Protein backbone atom coordinates (compact mmCIF):
# COMPACT_ATOMS: atom_id res chain seq x y z
CA UNK A 1 -5.15 -7.50 4.00
CA UNK A 2 -5.62 -4.32 1.83
CA UNK A 3 -7.77 -2.68 4.58
CA UNK A 4 -5.10 -3.61 7.15
CA UNK A 5 -2.52 -1.95 4.81
CA UNK A 6 -4.58 1.22 4.63
CA UNK A 7 -5.02 1.39 8.40
CA UNK A 8 -1.34 0.95 8.81
CA UNK A 9 -0.48 3.62 6.32
CA UNK A 10 -2.56 6.15 8.04
CA UNK A 11 -0.73 5.40 11.29
CA UNK A 12 2.75 6.15 9.88
CA UNK A 13 2.40 10.05 9.87
CA UNK A 14 2.69 10.28 6.17
CA UNK A 15 -0.43 12.47 5.83
CA UNK A 16 -2.61 9.52 4.69
CA UNK A 17 -6.11 9.02 6.15
CA UNK A 18 -8.21 5.87 6.52
CA UNK A 19 -11.07 5.92 6.48
CA UNK A 20 -10.81 8.74 4.02
CA UNK A 21 -10.89 12.14 5.79
CA UNK A 22 -8.25 14.91 6.32
CA UNK A 23 -5.02 14.35 4.41
CA UNK A 24 -4.56 12.04 1.26
CA UNK A 25 -7.34 9.46 1.49
CA UNK A 26 -6.52 5.73 1.23
CA UNK A 27 -8.80 3.10 -0.21
CA UNK A 28 -8.77 -0.70 -0.14
CA UNK A 29 -9.20 -2.56 -3.43
CA UNK A 30 -10.32 0.47 -5.35
CA UNK A 31 -8.98 3.79 -6.65
CA UNK A 32 -12.09 6.07 -7.03
CA UNK A 33 -12.09 8.96 -9.67
CA UNK A 34 -12.00 11.54 -6.97
CA UNK A 35 -10.20 13.19 -5.18
CA UNK A 36 -7.21 13.78 -7.42
CA UNK A 37 -4.61 12.76 -4.74
CA UNK A 38 -5.30 9.35 -3.39
CA UNK A 39 -3.56 6.17 -2.37
CA UNK A 40 -4.94 2.61 -2.83
CA UNK A 41 -3.85 -0.84 -1.64
CA UNK A 42 -4.44 -3.98 -3.65
CA UNK A 43 -3.58 -7.57 -2.97
CA UNK A 44 -2.13 -9.20 -6.07
CA UNK A 45 -0.51 -12.42 -7.09
CA UNK A 46 -1.47 -14.52 -3.96
CA UNK A 47 1.07 -17.30 -3.50
CA UNK A 48 0.29 -20.90 -3.95
CA UNK A 49 -2.02 -22.37 -1.37
CA UNK A 50 -0.20 -22.64 1.98
CA UNK A 51 2.18 -25.60 2.30
CA UNK A 52 2.39 -27.58 5.46
CA UNK A 53 4.07 -24.58 7.16
CA UNK A 54 0.90 -22.40 6.63
CA UNK A 55 2.73 -19.37 5.38
CA UNK A 56 1.45 -17.34 2.48
CA UNK A 57 3.26 -14.64 0.62
CA UNK A 58 0.99 -12.37 -1.44
CA UNK A 59 2.09 -9.09 -3.19
CA UNK A 60 0.52 -5.95 -1.85
CA UNK A 61 0.51 -3.13 -4.45
CA UNK A 62 0.26 0.51 -3.32
CA UNK A 63 -0.79 2.96 -5.93
CA UNK A 64 -0.35 6.80 -5.37
CA UNK A 65 -2.11 9.18 -7.60
CA UNK A 66 -1.31 12.90 -7.58
CA UNK A 67 -2.96 16.07 -8.89
CA UNK A 68 -2.66 16.74 -12.67
CA UNK A 69 0.65 18.56 -13.34
CA UNK A 70 2.11 17.53 -9.90
CA UNK A 71 4.25 14.33 -10.54
CA UNK A 72 6.78 15.06 -8.02
CA UNK A 73 4.48 15.16 -4.87
CA UNK A 74 2.92 11.67 -5.86
CA UNK A 75 6.49 10.43 -6.44
CA UNK A 76 7.62 11.73 -2.95
CA UNK A 77 4.76 10.09 -1.25
CA UNK A 78 5.39 6.76 -3.04
CA UNK A 79 9.01 6.92 -2.02
CA UNK A 80 8.01 7.74 1.63
CA UNK A 81 5.65 4.70 1.60
CA UNK A 82 8.39 2.45 0.20
CA UNK A 83 10.79 3.70 2.87
CA UNK A 84 8.41 3.27 5.74
CA UNK A 85 7.36 -0.25 4.88
CA UNK A 86 10.31 -1.84 3.26
CA UNK A 87 12.22 -4.29 5.64
CA UNK A 88 9.66 -4.07 8.46
CA UNK A 89 9.72 -7.40 10.07
CA UNK A 90 7.43 -8.81 12.68
CA UNK A 91 5.06 -5.95 12.42
CA UNK A 92 1.14 -5.96 12.74
CA UNK A 93 -0.81 -3.96 10.36
CA UNK A 94 -3.93 -2.52 11.87
CA UNK A 95 -3.04 -3.58 15.33
CA UNK A 96 -5.87 -3.53 17.81
CA UNK A 97 -8.59 -3.70 15.07
CA UNK A 98 -10.66 -6.42 13.48
CA UNK A 99 -8.33 -6.25 10.48
CA UNK A 100 -5.12 -6.80 12.27
CA UNK A 101 -2.55 -8.98 10.23
CA UNK A 102 0.62 -10.17 11.87
CA UNK A 103 3.27 -9.96 9.22
CA UNK A 104 6.74 -11.79 9.46
CA UNK A 105 8.18 -9.76 6.57
CA UNK A 106 7.51 -6.91 4.35
CA UNK A 107 9.90 -6.35 1.48
CA UNK A 108 9.69 -4.26 -1.61
CA UNK A 109 10.07 -6.05 -4.97
CA UNK A 110 11.70 -3.03 -6.71
CA UNK A 111 14.45 -0.58 -5.82
CA UNK A 112 12.27 2.53 -6.57
CA UNK A 113 8.49 3.26 -7.01
CA UNK A 114 7.28 2.38 -10.49
CA UNK A 115 6.15 5.35 -12.66
CA UNK A 116 2.88 4.25 -14.10
CA UNK A 117 2.37 7.18 -16.34
CA UNK A 118 -0.78 9.40 -16.37
CA UNK A 119 -4.38 8.34 -15.91
CA UNK A 120 -7.05 9.51 -18.43
CA UNK A 121 -7.28 12.84 -16.65
CA UNK A 122 -3.66 13.45 -16.78
CA UNK A 123 -2.91 12.68 -13.14
CA UNK A 124 0.34 10.99 -12.25
CA UNK A 125 0.32 7.31 -11.03
CA UNK A 126 3.17 5.60 -9.04
CA UNK A 127 3.18 2.25 -7.50
CA UNK A 128 5.16 0.15 -4.97
CA UNK A 129 4.88 -3.59 -4.63
CA UNK A 130 5.60 -5.38 -1.41
CA UNK A 131 5.89 -9.10 -0.85
CA UNK A 132 4.48 -9.83 2.59
CA UNK A 133 4.67 -13.05 4.56
CA UNK A 134 2.23 -14.16 7.19
CA UNK A 135 0.95 -17.32 8.89
CA UNK A 136 -2.64 -18.08 7.65
CA UNK A 137 -4.92 -19.13 10.39
C-alpha cells in the first residue's frame, strides 16, 4: 500500500518522484536522513481483520520533510498532497503496476496537515493522515 501511494503521488504533478530521482523523492515505509526535502508514506493502524464484506480501512500517513529553515515549502507540499488525495473515490493507486490498489475511498482524518515540529537536524516535518478503504483479495 505505501509503495502504491508513492507511485500515485509521483503521478500527480506535485514535483514528487518515485523511485527517487528528479524532484522531491518519495519513500515507502522509511524516511532516510538524506536528502533534506523528502516525502514518505507509511501504513498505520490497520483496521480489524476484514469482516464478511472483505473491506479493510487502514490509515496511510504521509510525512513531508523540508530543508532546515524552510518550513513553508514543506507545509505547502503537505497541503497540496492533502488537496490532491482527499475525497478521491474509486481511484486506483499505482495503476498498471504490480503495486496497484483499487481504493473505494480516500479521506483525510484532519482539516489541515499536522505540524510535527523539527527533526534533530532542524528540518520541518508535516504529516497528513488518510483513511483508505479497499476490498481485500
